[in-house]
């Protein structure tokens, strides 16, 4: 504890010996204000950071909305997806996401899914090959004992979908788990249909 003040005195001694004012260093420029050695660190303005974050998030939201409007006018091809979880009641789908070319297009949020059919909104898309990713977080259902009640897993599947020009592509995803805890046997079936 006593070495710290002595160290400061030793570090300040060369600047005092060189004729520099106390609290500055010999290489300090006149542009930057001198900070005394005992001054507290600058306080972070959390309100300003929050306002900047909100502004950037709003700009990103508006940019995505503009991009979707442009895509609707440019591309005649469309893609839609359906997701069904069939692992209940033994397993609950705690959270699910669907991504298209790395961009999130649907998220279940914090609401667990039992045996629901989810329709992901139809959207315009450029014809060609695209990647679709399904991420599932699975937890045990109601019929579990205490040893396995905290178990679960995450599973991510990526597959390629070919979107045809001037047609609607429907991707139907069915997920299931036939395992017995603590073993898992996740299954994912993907069916692609094309409509005019």
N, C-alpha and C. Protein backbone atom coordinates (compact mmCIF):
# COMPACT_ATOMS: atom_id res chain seq x y z
N UNK A 1 0.80 -1.19 0.00
CA UNK A 1 0.00 0.00 0.00
C UNK A 1 0.85 1.26 0.00
N UNK A 2 1.94 1.27 0.76
CA UNK A 2 2.76 2.48 0.88
C UNK A 2 3.62 2.72 -0.35
N UNK A 3 3.80 1.74 -1.19
CA UNK A 3 4.63 1.92 -2.38
C UNK A 3 3.94 2.76 -3.45
N UNK A 4 2.63 2.75 -3.52
CA UNK A 4 1.91 3.49 -4.54
C UNK A 4 2.19 4.99 -4.48
N UNK A 5 2.07 5.68 -3.33
CA UNK A 5 2.39 7.11 -3.32
C UNK A 5 3.85 7.38 -3.66
N UNK A 6 4.75 6.52 -3.23
CA UNK A 6 6.15 6.72 -3.54
C UNK A 6 6.40 6.59 -5.03
N UNK A 7 5.69 5.66 -5.67
CA UNK A 7 5.84 5.46 -7.11
C UNK A 7 5.37 6.70 -7.85
N UNK A 8 4.28 7.31 -7.42
CA UNK A 8 3.80 8.52 -8.07
C UNK A 8 4.81 9.65 -7.94
N UNK A 9 5.41 9.77 -6.78
CA UNK A 9 6.40 10.81 -6.58
C UNK A 9 7.60 10.57 -7.49
N UNK A 10 8.01 9.32 -7.62
CA UNK A 10 9.14 9.00 -8.48
C UNK A 10 8.80 9.27 -9.94
N UNK A 11 7.58 8.97 -10.35
CA UNK A 11 7.19 9.20 -11.74
C UNK A 11 7.05 10.69 -12.05
N UNK A 12 6.63 11.49 -11.07
CA UNK A 12 6.48 12.92 -11.30
C UNK A 12 7.80 13.67 -11.17
N UNK A 13 8.75 13.08 -10.51
CA UNK A 13 10.03 13.75 -10.28
C UNK A 13 10.74 14.13 -11.56
N UNK A 14 10.80 13.30 -12.64
CA UNK A 14 11.49 13.73 -13.85
C UNK A 14 10.83 14.93 -14.52
N UNK A 15 9.49 15.02 -14.48
CA UNK A 15 8.84 16.17 -15.10
C UNK A 15 9.09 17.44 -14.30
N UNK A 16 9.16 17.33 -12.99
CA UNK A 16 9.47 18.50 -12.17
C UNK A 16 10.91 18.94 -12.39
N UNK A 17 11.77 17.96 -12.52
CA UNK A 17 13.18 18.28 -12.72
C UNK A 17 13.40 18.95 -14.07
N UNK A 18 12.59 18.63 -15.06
CA UNK A 18 12.75 19.19 -16.39
C UNK A 18 12.12 20.57 -16.49
N UNK A 19 11.47 21.05 -15.43
CA UNK A 19 10.90 22.38 -15.46
C UNK A 19 9.46 22.41 -15.96
N UNK A 20 8.82 21.27 -16.12
CA UNK A 20 7.44 21.25 -16.57
C UNK A 20 6.52 21.50 -15.39
N UNK A 21 5.36 22.11 -15.63
CA UNK A 21 4.42 22.35 -14.54
C UNK A 21 3.94 21.03 -13.95
N UNK A 22 3.58 21.04 -12.69
CA UNK A 22 3.09 19.82 -12.01
C UNK A 22 1.81 19.35 -12.67
N UNK A 23 1.65 18.02 -12.79
CA UNK A 23 0.45 17.43 -13.38
C UNK A 23 0.54 17.28 -14.87
N UNK A 24 1.64 17.66 -15.51
CA UNK A 24 1.80 17.49 -16.95
C UNK A 24 3.03 16.68 -17.21
N UNK A 25 3.18 16.23 -18.42
CA UNK A 25 4.37 15.51 -18.82
C UNK A 25 5.14 16.37 -19.79
N UNK A 26 6.43 16.15 -19.96
CA UNK A 26 7.21 16.99 -20.87
C UNK A 26 6.74 16.90 -22.31
N UNK A 27 6.10 15.79 -22.75
CA UNK A 27 5.68 15.62 -24.14
C UNK A 27 4.25 16.07 -24.38
N UNK A 28 3.59 16.61 -23.36
CA UNK A 28 2.19 16.99 -23.51
C UNK A 28 2.08 18.17 -24.48
N UNK A 29 1.02 18.17 -25.30
CA UNK A 29 0.80 19.26 -26.24
C UNK A 29 -0.18 20.25 -25.63
N UNK A 30 -0.23 21.44 -26.20
CA UNK A 30 -1.14 22.47 -25.69
C UNK A 30 -2.58 22.20 -26.10
N UNK A 31 -2.81 21.27 -27.08
CA UNK A 31 -4.16 20.98 -27.55
C UNK A 31 -4.98 20.23 -26.50
N UNK A 32 -4.34 19.31 -25.78
CA UNK A 32 -5.06 18.49 -24.82
C UNK A 32 -4.93 19.10 -23.44
N UNK A 33 -6.04 19.20 -22.71
CA UNK A 33 -5.95 19.76 -21.36
C UNK A 33 -5.23 18.79 -20.44
N UNK A 34 -4.51 19.34 -19.50
CA UNK A 34 -3.77 18.51 -18.54
C UNK A 34 -4.75 17.92 -17.54
N UNK A 35 -4.59 16.65 -17.26
CA UNK A 35 -5.43 15.97 -16.30
C UNK A 35 -4.61 15.75 -15.05
N UNK A 36 -5.03 16.29 -13.93
CA UNK A 36 -4.28 16.07 -12.70
C UNK A 36 -4.23 14.58 -12.36
N UNK A 37 -3.17 14.20 -11.68
CA UNK A 37 -2.95 12.79 -11.38
C UNK A 37 -4.06 12.19 -10.53
N UNK A 38 -4.68 12.95 -9.66
CA UNK A 38 -5.71 12.41 -8.77
C UNK A 38 -7.12 12.58 -9.28
N UNK A 39 -7.34 13.04 -10.53
CA UNK A 39 -8.68 13.29 -11.06
C UNK A 39 -9.40 11.98 -11.36
N UNK A 40 -10.74 11.89 -11.12
CA UNK A 40 -11.48 10.67 -11.43
C UNK A 40 -11.65 10.50 -12.94
N UNK A 41 -11.83 9.26 -13.37
CA UNK A 41 -12.03 8.97 -14.80
C UNK A 41 -13.31 9.65 -15.27
N UNK A 42 -13.36 9.98 -16.56
CA UNK A 42 -14.53 10.65 -17.12
C UNK A 42 -15.76 9.77 -16.95
N UNK A 43 -16.85 10.34 -16.51
CA UNK A 43 -18.09 9.60 -16.30
C UNK A 43 -18.71 9.27 -17.66
N UNK A 44 -19.22 8.08 -17.79
CA UNK A 44 -19.86 7.64 -19.04
C UNK A 44 -21.29 8.14 -19.03
N UNK A 45 -21.68 8.81 -20.08
CA UNK A 45 -23.03 9.34 -20.21
C UNK A 45 -23.93 8.24 -20.78
N UNK A 46 -24.57 7.50 -19.89
CA UNK A 46 -25.40 6.37 -20.29
C UNK A 46 -26.61 6.82 -21.10
N UNK A 47 -27.19 7.94 -20.73
CA UNK A 47 -28.36 8.44 -21.45
C UNK A 47 -28.01 8.76 -22.90
N UNK A 48 -26.84 9.33 -23.12
CA UNK A 48 -26.41 9.64 -24.49
C UNK A 48 -26.16 8.35 -25.29
N UNK A 49 -25.52 7.38 -24.65
CA UNK A 49 -25.29 6.10 -25.32
C UNK A 49 -26.61 5.42 -25.68
N UNK A 50 -27.59 5.45 -24.78
CA UNK A 50 -28.90 4.85 -25.04
C UNK A 50 -29.58 5.56 -26.20
N UNK A 51 -29.50 6.89 -26.23
CA UNK A 51 -30.11 7.65 -27.32
C UNK A 51 -29.45 7.31 -28.66
N UNK A 52 -28.12 7.18 -28.67
CA UNK A 52 -27.41 6.80 -29.90
C UNK A 52 -27.81 5.40 -30.34
N UNK A 53 -27.91 4.50 -29.38
CA UNK A 53 -28.33 3.12 -29.70
C UNK A 53 -29.73 3.11 -30.31
N UNK A 54 -30.66 3.81 -29.67
CA UNK A 54 -32.04 3.87 -30.19
C UNK A 54 -32.09 4.48 -31.57
N UNK A 55 -31.31 5.54 -31.80
CA UNK A 55 -31.27 6.18 -33.12
C UNK A 55 -30.75 5.22 -34.18
N UNK A 56 -29.66 4.52 -33.89
CA UNK A 56 -29.10 3.56 -34.85
C UNK A 56 -30.05 2.40 -35.12
N UNK A 57 -30.71 1.91 -34.07
CA UNK A 57 -31.68 0.83 -34.24
C UNK A 57 -32.84 1.27 -35.12
N UNK A 58 -33.33 2.50 -34.92
CA UNK A 58 -34.42 3.02 -35.75
C UNK A 58 -33.98 3.17 -37.21
N UNK A 59 -32.76 3.67 -37.43
CA UNK A 59 -32.25 3.79 -38.79
C UNK A 59 -32.14 2.43 -39.47
N UNK A 60 -31.68 1.42 -38.73
CA UNK A 60 -31.57 0.07 -39.28
C UNK A 60 -32.95 -0.48 -39.63
N UNK A 61 -33.93 -0.26 -38.76
CA UNK A 61 -35.29 -0.72 -39.03
C UNK A 61 -35.85 -0.06 -40.29
N UNK A 62 -35.65 1.25 -40.42
CA UNK A 62 -36.15 1.96 -41.61
C UNK A 62 -35.44 1.48 -42.87
N UNK A 63 -34.14 1.23 -42.79
CA UNK A 63 -33.39 0.75 -43.95
C UNK A 63 -33.90 -0.63 -44.39
N UNK A 64 -34.17 -1.49 -43.43
CA UNK A 64 -34.71 -2.82 -43.78
C UNK A 64 -36.09 -2.71 -44.40
N UNK A 65 -36.92 -1.82 -43.88
CA UNK A 65 -38.26 -1.62 -44.44
C UNK A 65 -38.16 -1.09 -45.87
N UNK A 66 -37.25 -0.15 -46.12
CA UNK A 66 -37.05 0.35 -47.49
C UNK A 66 -36.57 -0.76 -48.41
N UNK A 67 -35.66 -1.60 -47.93
CA UNK A 67 -35.14 -2.70 -48.75
C UNK A 67 -36.26 -3.67 -49.11
N UNK A 68 -37.15 -3.96 -48.17
CA UNK A 68 -38.27 -4.86 -48.47
C UNK A 68 -39.20 -4.26 -49.50
N UNK A 69 -39.44 -2.95 -49.42
CA UNK A 69 -40.30 -2.29 -50.42
C UNK A 69 -39.66 -2.35 -51.81
N UNK A 70 -38.36 -2.15 -51.87
CA UNK A 70 -37.66 -2.22 -53.15
C UNK A 70 -37.72 -3.64 -53.71
N UNK A 71 -37.50 -4.64 -52.83
CA UNK A 71 -37.54 -6.02 -53.29
C UNK A 71 -38.91 -6.38 -53.85
N UNK A 72 -39.98 -5.88 -53.22
CA UNK A 72 -41.33 -6.17 -53.72
C UNK A 72 -41.52 -5.64 -55.13
N UNK A 73 -40.91 -4.52 -55.44
CA UNK A 73 -41.04 -3.95 -56.77
C UNK A 73 -40.14 -4.60 -57.80
N UNK A 74 -39.04 -5.20 -57.35
CA UNK A 74 -38.06 -5.77 -58.28
C UNK A 74 -38.31 -7.24 -58.57
N UNK A 75 -38.53 -8.03 -57.50
CA UNK A 75 -38.59 -9.48 -57.66
C UNK A 75 -40.02 -10.00 -57.69
N UNK A 76 -40.30 -10.83 -58.67
CA UNK A 76 -41.62 -11.46 -58.78
C UNK A 76 -41.65 -12.80 -58.06
N UNK A 77 -40.50 -13.36 -57.78
CA UNK A 77 -40.43 -14.63 -57.05
C UNK A 77 -40.70 -14.36 -55.57
N UNK A 78 -41.31 -15.35 -54.93
CA UNK A 78 -41.65 -15.21 -53.50
C UNK A 78 -41.28 -16.49 -52.78
N UNK A 79 -41.02 -16.34 -51.46
CA UNK A 79 -40.72 -17.50 -50.64
C UNK A 79 -41.52 -17.41 -49.35
N UNK A 80 -42.00 -18.54 -48.88
CA UNK A 80 -42.73 -18.63 -47.61
C UNK A 80 -42.28 -19.90 -46.92
N UNK A 81 -42.47 -19.95 -45.62
CA UNK A 81 -42.07 -21.14 -44.86
C UNK A 81 -43.12 -21.46 -43.82
N UNK A 82 -43.20 -22.74 -43.49
CA UNK A 82 -44.06 -23.23 -42.40
C UNK A 82 -43.19 -24.09 -41.50
N UNK A 83 -43.36 -23.93 -40.20
CA UNK A 83 -42.61 -24.71 -39.23
C UNK A 83 -43.59 -25.39 -38.29
N UNK A 84 -43.42 -26.71 -38.12
CA UNK A 84 -44.27 -27.46 -37.19
C UNK A 84 -43.38 -28.28 -36.27
N UNK A 85 -43.68 -28.21 -34.96
CA UNK A 85 -42.98 -29.01 -33.95
C UNK A 85 -43.88 -30.16 -33.55
N UNK A 86 -43.39 -31.40 -33.66
CA UNK A 86 -44.18 -32.57 -33.33
C UNK A 86 -43.60 -33.36 -32.16
N UNK A 87 -42.69 -32.77 -31.41
CA UNK A 87 -42.04 -33.48 -30.31
C UNK A 87 -42.77 -33.42 -28.99
N UNK A 88 -43.87 -32.67 -28.91
CA UNK A 88 -44.62 -32.56 -27.66
C UNK A 88 -45.42 -33.84 -27.42
N UNK A 89 -45.74 -34.20 -26.23
CA UNK A 89 -45.52 -33.50 -24.97
C UNK A 89 -44.19 -33.86 -24.31
N UNK A 90 -43.45 -34.81 -24.88
CA UNK A 90 -42.18 -35.22 -24.25
C UNK A 90 -41.12 -34.13 -24.33
N UNK A 91 -41.14 -33.35 -25.40
CA UNK A 91 -40.17 -32.28 -25.59
C UNK A 91 -40.90 -31.01 -26.03
N UNK A 92 -40.49 -29.88 -25.47
CA UNK A 92 -41.06 -28.59 -25.85
C UNK A 92 -40.02 -27.82 -26.64
N UNK A 93 -40.49 -27.12 -27.63
CA UNK A 93 -39.62 -26.24 -28.40
C UNK A 93 -39.54 -24.93 -27.64
N UNK A 94 -38.46 -24.76 -26.89
CA UNK A 94 -38.29 -23.60 -26.01
C UNK A 94 -38.12 -22.32 -26.82
N UNK A 95 -37.40 -22.39 -27.92
CA UNK A 95 -37.17 -21.23 -28.79
C UNK A 95 -36.85 -21.75 -30.18
N UNK A 96 -37.26 -20.98 -31.19
CA UNK A 96 -36.98 -21.36 -32.57
C UNK A 96 -36.70 -20.11 -33.39
N UNK A 97 -35.83 -20.25 -34.39
CA UNK A 97 -35.51 -19.17 -35.32
C UNK A 97 -35.46 -19.73 -36.73
N UNK A 98 -35.86 -18.92 -37.69
CA UNK A 98 -35.70 -19.25 -39.10
C UNK A 98 -34.93 -18.10 -39.73
N UNK A 99 -33.85 -18.45 -40.44
CA UNK A 99 -33.02 -17.45 -41.10
C UNK A 99 -32.97 -17.75 -42.60
N UNK A 100 -32.94 -16.68 -43.38
CA UNK A 100 -32.83 -16.80 -44.83
C UNK A 100 -31.58 -16.04 -45.24
N UNK A 101 -30.63 -16.73 -45.81
CA UNK A 101 -29.34 -16.14 -46.21
C UNK A 101 -28.68 -15.42 -45.03
N UNK A 102 -28.81 -15.99 -43.85
CA UNK A 102 -28.19 -15.43 -42.66
C UNK A 102 -28.99 -14.36 -41.94
N UNK A 103 -30.08 -13.90 -42.53
CA UNK A 103 -30.91 -12.85 -41.92
C UNK A 103 -32.11 -13.47 -41.23
N UNK A 104 -32.37 -13.05 -40.03
CA UNK A 104 -33.50 -13.55 -39.25
C UNK A 104 -34.81 -13.14 -39.89
N UNK A 105 -35.67 -14.13 -40.20
CA UNK A 105 -36.98 -13.80 -40.77
C UNK A 105 -38.11 -14.18 -39.83
N UNK A 106 -37.82 -15.02 -38.81
CA UNK A 106 -38.84 -15.35 -37.82
C UNK A 106 -38.16 -15.82 -36.55
N UNK A 107 -38.74 -15.43 -35.42
CA UNK A 107 -38.22 -15.80 -34.11
C UNK A 107 -39.41 -16.04 -33.19
N UNK A 108 -39.40 -17.15 -32.46
CA UNK A 108 -40.52 -17.46 -31.58
C UNK A 108 -40.52 -16.61 -30.32
N UNK A 109 -39.41 -15.95 -30.03
CA UNK A 109 -39.31 -15.18 -28.80
C UNK A 109 -39.20 -16.11 -27.61
N UNK A 110 -39.77 -15.71 -26.50
CA UNK A 110 -39.68 -16.51 -25.28
C UNK A 110 -40.88 -17.42 -25.08
N UNK A 111 -41.73 -17.52 -26.06
CA UNK A 111 -42.93 -18.35 -25.94
C UNK A 111 -42.62 -19.77 -26.42
N UNK A 112 -42.66 -20.75 -25.51
CA UNK A 112 -42.42 -22.14 -25.94
C UNK A 112 -43.53 -22.63 -26.87
N UNK A 113 -43.15 -23.50 -27.79
CA UNK A 113 -44.10 -24.06 -28.75
C UNK A 113 -44.39 -25.51 -28.37
N UNK A 114 -45.64 -25.90 -28.49
CA UNK A 114 -46.02 -27.27 -28.19
C UNK A 114 -46.26 -28.00 -29.51
N UNK A 115 -47.46 -27.98 -30.02
CA UNK A 115 -47.78 -28.59 -31.32
C UNK A 115 -48.40 -27.54 -32.22
N UNK A 116 -47.66 -26.52 -32.55
CA UNK A 116 -48.20 -25.42 -33.31
C UNK A 116 -47.62 -25.40 -34.73
N UNK A 117 -48.42 -24.91 -35.63
CA UNK A 117 -47.96 -24.68 -36.99
C UNK A 117 -47.71 -23.19 -37.13
N UNK A 118 -46.49 -22.84 -37.51
CA UNK A 118 -46.11 -21.44 -37.65
C UNK A 118 -45.96 -21.13 -39.13
N UNK A 119 -46.64 -20.09 -39.58
CA UNK A 119 -46.49 -19.62 -40.95
C UNK A 119 -45.57 -18.41 -40.95
N UNK A 120 -44.42 -18.56 -41.57
CA UNK A 120 -43.48 -17.45 -41.70
C UNK A 120 -43.95 -16.60 -42.87
N UNK A 121 -43.98 -15.30 -42.70
CA UNK A 121 -44.54 -14.40 -43.70
C UNK A 121 -43.88 -14.59 -45.06
N UNK A 122 -44.72 -14.55 -46.08
CA UNK A 122 -44.23 -14.63 -47.46
C UNK A 122 -43.51 -13.34 -47.80
N UNK A 123 -42.43 -13.48 -48.57
CA UNK A 123 -41.64 -12.30 -48.92
C UNK A 123 -41.08 -12.44 -50.33
N UNK A 124 -40.86 -11.31 -51.01
CA UNK A 124 -40.22 -11.36 -52.33
C UNK A 124 -38.76 -11.73 -52.18
N UNK A 125 -38.23 -12.37 -53.22
CA UNK A 125 -36.84 -12.82 -53.15
C UNK A 125 -36.27 -12.94 -54.56
N UNK A 126 -35.00 -12.76 -54.67
CA UNK A 126 -34.31 -12.90 -55.94
C UNK A 126 -34.28 -14.39 -56.32
N UNK A 127 -34.60 -14.71 -57.57
CA UNK A 127 -34.54 -16.12 -57.98
C UNK A 127 -33.11 -16.65 -57.88
N UNK A 128 -32.98 -17.92 -57.56
CA UNK A 128 -31.67 -18.53 -57.45
C UNK A 128 -31.56 -19.38 -56.20
N UNK A 129 -30.34 -19.68 -55.82
CA UNK A 129 -30.07 -20.56 -54.69
C UNK A 129 -29.92 -19.71 -53.42
N UNK A 130 -30.61 -20.12 -52.36
CA UNK A 130 -30.56 -19.42 -51.08
C UNK A 130 -30.40 -20.45 -49.96
N UNK A 131 -29.81 -20.01 -48.84
CA UNK A 131 -29.68 -20.91 -47.70
C UNK A 131 -30.74 -20.55 -46.66
N UNK A 132 -31.31 -21.58 -46.07
CA UNK A 132 -32.29 -21.39 -45.01
C UNK A 132 -31.78 -22.14 -43.79
N UNK A 133 -31.81 -21.50 -42.63
CA UNK A 133 -31.31 -22.09 -41.40
C UNK A 133 -32.43 -22.13 -40.38
N UNK A 134 -32.55 -23.27 -39.71
CA UNK A 134 -33.53 -23.44 -38.64
C UNK A 134 -32.75 -23.76 -37.37
N UNK A 135 -32.95 -22.94 -36.35
CA UNK A 135 -32.29 -23.17 -35.06
C UNK A 135 -33.36 -23.47 -34.03
N UNK A 136 -33.20 -24.61 -33.33
CA UNK A 136 -34.18 -25.05 -32.35
C UNK A 136 -33.52 -25.22 -30.98
N UNK A 137 -34.18 -24.74 -29.95
CA UNK A 137 -33.77 -25.00 -28.57
C UNK A 137 -34.85 -25.86 -27.95
N UNK A 138 -34.49 -27.08 -27.58
CA UNK A 138 -35.45 -28.07 -27.11
C UNK A 138 -35.22 -28.33 -25.62
N UNK A 139 -36.31 -28.41 -24.88
CA UNK A 139 -36.28 -28.71 -23.45
C UNK A 139 -37.26 -29.86 -23.16
N UNK A 140 -37.05 -30.57 -22.07
CA UNK A 140 -37.98 -31.65 -21.73
C UNK A 140 -39.39 -31.10 -21.48
N UNK A 141 -40.37 -31.92 -21.78
CA UNK A 141 -41.77 -31.54 -21.56
C UNK A 141 -42.18 -31.79 -20.13
N UNK A 142 -43.48 -31.94 -19.93
CA UNK A 142 -44.01 -32.09 -18.57
C UNK A 142 -43.79 -33.48 -17.99
N UNK A 143 -43.62 -34.47 -18.81
CA UNK A 143 -43.50 -35.85 -18.33
C UNK A 143 -42.04 -36.21 -18.09
N UNK A 144 -41.39 -35.51 -17.17
CA UNK A 144 -39.98 -35.80 -16.87
C UNK A 144 -39.80 -35.93 -15.37
N UNK A 145 -38.74 -36.61 -14.99
CA UNK A 145 -38.40 -36.70 -13.58
C UNK A 145 -37.41 -35.60 -13.23
N UNK A 146 -37.09 -35.46 -11.95
CA UNK A 146 -36.23 -34.35 -11.51
C UNK A 146 -34.83 -34.42 -12.09
N UNK A 147 -34.28 -35.60 -12.34
CA UNK A 147 -32.92 -35.72 -12.85
C UNK A 147 -32.78 -35.14 -14.26
N UNK A 148 -33.84 -35.20 -15.03
CA UNK A 148 -33.75 -34.77 -16.43
C UNK A 148 -34.50 -33.46 -16.71
N UNK A 149 -35.05 -32.82 -15.69
CA UNK A 149 -35.87 -31.63 -15.93
C UNK A 149 -35.06 -30.44 -16.44
N UNK A 150 -33.76 -30.38 -16.16
CA UNK A 150 -32.94 -29.25 -16.60
C UNK A 150 -32.17 -29.55 -17.88
N UNK A 151 -32.38 -30.69 -18.47
CA UNK A 151 -31.65 -31.05 -19.69
C UNK A 151 -32.27 -30.34 -20.90
N UNK A 152 -31.57 -30.38 -22.00
CA UNK A 152 -32.05 -29.79 -23.24
C UNK A 152 -30.90 -29.66 -24.22
N UNK A 153 -31.19 -29.19 -25.42
CA UNK A 153 -30.15 -29.02 -26.43
C UNK A 153 -30.57 -27.98 -27.44
N UNK A 154 -29.59 -27.51 -28.18
CA UNK A 154 -29.83 -26.62 -29.32
C UNK A 154 -29.38 -27.34 -30.58
N UNK A 155 -30.12 -27.16 -31.62
CA UNK A 155 -29.80 -27.81 -32.88
C UNK A 155 -29.99 -26.80 -34.01
N UNK A 156 -29.02 -26.74 -34.90
CA UNK A 156 -29.10 -25.80 -36.01
C UNK A 156 -28.90 -26.56 -37.31
N UNK A 157 -29.83 -26.37 -38.24
CA UNK A 157 -29.79 -27.06 -39.53
C UNK A 157 -29.83 -26.01 -40.64
N UNK A 158 -28.92 -26.13 -41.59
CA UNK A 158 -28.89 -25.23 -42.74
C UNK A 158 -29.03 -26.06 -44.00
N UNK A 159 -29.89 -25.62 -44.89
CA UNK A 159 -30.10 -26.33 -46.15
C UNK A 159 -30.28 -25.30 -47.26
N UNK A 160 -30.18 -25.76 -48.47
CA UNK A 160 -30.23 -24.89 -49.65
C UNK A 160 -31.60 -25.04 -50.31
N UNK A 161 -32.16 -23.90 -50.70
CA UNK A 161 -33.44 -23.87 -51.39
C UNK A 161 -33.24 -23.14 -52.70
N UNK A 162 -33.75 -23.74 -53.77
CA UNK A 162 -33.68 -23.08 -55.07
C UNK A 162 -35.02 -22.39 -55.33
N UNK A 163 -34.96 -21.08 -55.53
CA UNK A 163 -36.15 -20.29 -55.81
C UNK A 163 -36.25 -20.09 -57.31
N UNK A 164 -37.39 -20.48 -57.86
CA UNK A 164 -37.60 -20.37 -59.31
C UNK A 164 -38.13 -18.98 -59.66
N UNK A 165 -37.84 -18.54 -60.88
CA UNK A 165 -38.24 -17.23 -61.35
C UNK A 165 -39.77 -17.16 -61.51
N UNK A 166 -40.36 -16.08 -60.99
CA UNK A 166 -41.79 -15.78 -61.10
C UNK A 166 -42.68 -16.87 -60.51
N UNK A 167 -42.18 -17.54 -59.44
CA UNK A 167 -42.98 -18.58 -58.78
C UNK A 167 -42.87 -18.41 -57.28
N UNK A 168 -43.83 -19.01 -56.57
CA UNK A 168 -43.81 -19.00 -55.12
C UNK A 168 -43.18 -20.31 -54.64
N UNK A 169 -42.21 -20.19 -53.76
CA UNK A 169 -41.54 -21.35 -53.18
C UNK A 169 -42.01 -21.48 -51.74
N UNK A 170 -42.59 -22.64 -51.40
CA UNK A 170 -43.07 -22.91 -50.06
C UNK A 170 -42.18 -23.96 -49.42
N UNK A 171 -41.57 -23.63 -48.29
CA UNK A 171 -40.69 -24.55 -47.58
C UNK A 171 -41.43 -24.99 -46.32
N UNK A 172 -41.73 -26.29 -46.23
CA UNK A 172 -42.41 -26.83 -45.06
C UNK A 172 -41.41 -27.62 -44.23
N UNK A 173 -41.24 -27.19 -42.98
CA UNK A 173 -40.26 -27.79 -42.08
C UNK A 173 -41.00 -28.46 -40.94
N UNK A 174 -40.72 -29.74 -40.73
CA UNK A 174 -41.32 -30.48 -39.63
C UNK A 174 -40.19 -30.98 -38.74
N UNK A 175 -40.23 -30.60 -37.47
CA UNK A 175 -39.20 -31.00 -36.52
C UNK A 175 -39.81 -31.90 -35.46
N UNK A 176 -39.01 -32.86 -34.99
CA UNK A 176 -39.49 -33.83 -34.01
C UNK A 176 -38.31 -34.35 -33.22
N UNK A 177 -38.58 -34.97 -32.10
CA UNK A 177 -37.56 -35.64 -31.32
C UNK A 177 -38.17 -36.91 -30.76
N UNK A 178 -37.60 -38.05 -31.11
CA UNK A 178 -38.13 -39.35 -30.68
C UNK A 178 -37.29 -39.99 -29.59
N UNK A 179 -36.37 -39.24 -28.99
CA UNK A 179 -35.48 -39.81 -27.99
C UNK A 179 -36.14 -39.95 -26.64
N UNK A 180 -35.50 -40.73 -25.78
CA UNK A 180 -35.90 -40.88 -24.39
C UNK A 180 -34.79 -40.26 -23.55
N UNK A 181 -35.17 -39.32 -22.69
CA UNK A 181 -34.17 -38.63 -21.88
C UNK A 181 -33.34 -39.62 -21.09
N UNK A 182 -32.04 -39.40 -20.98
CA UNK A 182 -31.28 -38.24 -21.41
C UNK A 182 -30.72 -38.35 -22.82
N UNK A 183 -31.28 -39.20 -23.65
CA UNK A 183 -30.84 -39.33 -25.04
C UNK A 183 -31.75 -38.51 -25.94
N UNK A 184 -31.17 -37.97 -27.00
CA UNK A 184 -31.94 -37.17 -27.93
C UNK A 184 -31.82 -37.76 -29.33
N UNK A 185 -32.89 -37.65 -30.08
CA UNK A 185 -32.89 -38.08 -31.48
C UNK A 185 -33.64 -37.04 -32.31
N UNK A 186 -33.02 -35.88 -32.52
CA UNK A 186 -33.72 -34.83 -33.29
C UNK A 186 -33.87 -35.23 -34.75
N UNK A 187 -35.02 -34.89 -35.30
CA UNK A 187 -35.30 -35.15 -36.72
C UNK A 187 -35.84 -33.87 -37.33
N UNK A 188 -35.44 -33.62 -38.56
CA UNK A 188 -35.93 -32.45 -39.29
C UNK A 188 -36.24 -32.87 -40.71
N UNK A 189 -37.48 -32.68 -41.12
CA UNK A 189 -37.89 -32.99 -42.49
C UNK A 189 -38.19 -31.68 -43.21
N UNK A 190 -37.69 -31.56 -44.43
CA UNK A 190 -37.90 -30.34 -45.23
C UNK A 190 -38.54 -30.75 -46.54
N UNK A 191 -39.63 -30.10 -46.86
CA UNK A 191 -40.32 -30.34 -48.13
C UNK A 191 -40.46 -29.00 -48.85
N UNK A 192 -40.09 -28.96 -50.12
CA UNK A 192 -40.16 -27.73 -50.90
C UNK A 192 -41.18 -27.91 -52.01
N UNK A 193 -42.10 -26.95 -52.10
CA UNK A 193 -43.13 -26.97 -53.14
C UNK A 193 -43.05 -25.68 -53.94
N UNK A 194 -43.38 -25.78 -55.22
CA UNK A 194 -43.38 -24.60 -56.09
C UNK A 194 -44.80 -24.38 -56.60
N UNK A 195 -45.25 -23.12 -56.54
CA UNK A 195 -46.58 -22.77 -57.01
C UNK A 195 -46.48 -21.57 -57.93
N UNK A 196 -47.45 -21.43 -58.79
CA UNK A 196 -47.48 -20.27 -59.69
C UNK A 196 -48.09 -19.09 -59.01
